[in-house]
Amino acid sequence: MGVWMIALILIASLIAGVVIYIDVISDFIIDANFLHLP
């Protein structure tokens, strides 16, 4: 049972990390595009 809990926690943290990474990168791209507007 413990192994499954560890696996679920690892998968959840991995998904959360990817979501946060995508959010930060998208915000950075939006900010960069906004700054480059004429």
N, C-alpha and C. Protein backbone atom coordinates (compact mmCIF):
# COMPACT_ATOMS: atom_id res chain seq x y z
N MET A 1 0.84 -1.20 0.00
CA MET A 1 0.00 0.00 0.00
C MET A 1 0.88 1.25 0.00
N GLY A 2 1.97 1.21 0.74
CA GLY A 2 2.86 2.38 0.81
C GLY A 2 3.46 2.73 -0.55
N VAL A 3 3.78 1.67 -1.32
CA VAL A 3 4.39 1.92 -2.64
C VAL A 3 3.43 2.69 -3.54
N TRP A 4 2.15 2.31 -3.49
CA TRP A 4 1.16 3.01 -4.32
C TRP A 4 1.00 4.46 -3.89
N MET A 5 1.05 4.71 -2.57
CA MET A 5 0.94 6.09 -2.08
C MET A 5 2.11 6.92 -2.57
N ILE A 6 3.33 6.34 -2.50
CA ILE A 6 4.52 7.05 -2.97
C ILE A 6 4.41 7.33 -4.46
N ALA A 7 3.95 6.34 -5.22
CA ALA A 7 3.80 6.52 -6.67
C ALA A 7 2.79 7.62 -6.98
N LEU A 8 1.66 7.62 -6.27
CA LEU A 8 0.65 8.66 -6.49
C LEU A 8 1.19 10.04 -6.16
N ILE A 9 1.95 10.14 -5.06
CA ILE A 9 2.52 11.43 -4.67
C ILE A 9 3.52 11.90 -5.72
N LEU A 10 4.36 10.99 -6.21
CA LEU A 10 5.35 11.36 -7.22
C LEU A 10 4.66 11.83 -8.50
N ILE A 11 3.64 11.09 -8.94
CA ILE A 11 2.92 11.47 -10.17
C ILE A 11 2.23 12.82 -9.98
N ALA A 12 1.61 13.02 -8.82
CA ALA A 12 0.91 14.28 -8.56
C ALA A 12 1.89 15.45 -8.55
N SER A 13 3.04 15.26 -7.91
CA SER A 13 4.04 16.34 -7.85
C SER A 13 4.61 16.61 -9.24
N LEU A 14 4.79 15.56 -10.03
CA LEU A 14 5.31 15.73 -11.39
C LEU A 14 4.32 16.53 -12.23
N ILE A 15 3.04 16.17 -12.17
CA ILE A 15 2.01 16.89 -12.93
C ILE A 15 1.94 18.35 -12.47
N ALA A 16 1.98 18.56 -11.15
CA ALA A 16 1.93 19.93 -10.62
C ALA A 16 3.13 20.72 -11.11
N GLY A 17 4.31 20.10 -11.12
CA GLY A 17 5.52 20.78 -11.59
C GLY A 17 5.41 21.16 -13.06
N VAL A 18 4.88 20.26 -13.88
CA VAL A 18 4.73 20.54 -15.31
C VAL A 18 3.73 21.68 -15.51
N VAL A 19 2.62 21.65 -14.77
CA VAL A 19 1.61 22.70 -14.90
C VAL A 19 2.19 24.06 -14.51
N ILE A 20 2.92 24.10 -13.40
CA ILE A 20 3.54 25.36 -12.95
C ILE A 20 4.56 25.83 -13.98
N TYR A 21 5.37 24.88 -14.52
CA TYR A 21 6.39 25.23 -15.51
C TYR A 21 5.73 25.83 -16.75
N ILE A 22 4.67 25.21 -17.25
CA ILE A 22 3.97 25.71 -18.44
C ILE A 22 3.38 27.09 -18.15
N ASP A 23 2.81 27.27 -16.95
CA ASP A 23 2.21 28.56 -16.58
C ASP A 23 3.27 29.65 -16.55
N VAL A 24 4.42 29.36 -15.96
CA VAL A 24 5.50 30.36 -15.87
C VAL A 24 6.02 30.69 -17.26
N ILE A 25 6.25 29.66 -18.09
CA ILE A 25 6.77 29.89 -19.45
C ILE A 25 5.77 30.68 -20.28
N SER A 26 4.48 30.34 -20.19
CA SER A 26 3.47 31.07 -20.96
C SER A 26 3.39 32.53 -20.50
N ASP A 27 3.48 32.76 -19.18
CA ASP A 27 3.48 34.14 -18.69
C ASP A 27 4.70 34.88 -19.22
N PHE A 28 5.86 34.22 -19.23
CA PHE A 28 7.09 34.85 -19.71
C PHE A 28 6.96 35.20 -21.19
N ILE A 29 6.39 34.28 -21.99
CA ILE A 29 6.22 34.52 -23.43
C ILE A 29 5.24 35.68 -23.64
N ILE A 30 4.15 35.70 -22.88
CA ILE A 30 3.17 36.79 -23.02
C ILE A 30 3.82 38.12 -22.66
N ASP A 31 4.59 38.15 -21.57
CA ASP A 31 5.27 39.39 -21.17
C ASP A 31 6.26 39.82 -22.25
N ALA A 32 7.02 38.88 -22.81
CA ALA A 32 8.01 39.20 -23.84
C ALA A 32 7.31 39.77 -25.07
N ASN A 33 6.21 39.15 -25.50
CA ASN A 33 5.48 39.65 -26.66
C ASN A 33 4.90 41.03 -26.37
N PHE A 34 4.42 41.25 -25.15
CA PHE A 34 3.85 42.54 -24.79
C PHE A 34 4.93 43.62 -24.83
N LEU A 35 6.14 43.29 -24.35
CA LEU A 35 7.22 44.27 -24.34
C LEU A 35 7.69 44.59 -25.75
N HIS A 36 7.56 43.62 -26.67
CA HIS A 36 8.05 43.83 -28.03
C HIS A 36 7.02 44.51 -28.93
N LEU A 37 5.85 44.85 -28.38
CA LEU A 37 4.86 45.56 -29.20
C LEU A 37 5.40 46.94 -29.57
N PRO A 38 5.14 47.39 -30.78
CA PRO A 38 5.64 48.70 -31.21
C PRO A 38 4.96 49.84 -30.45
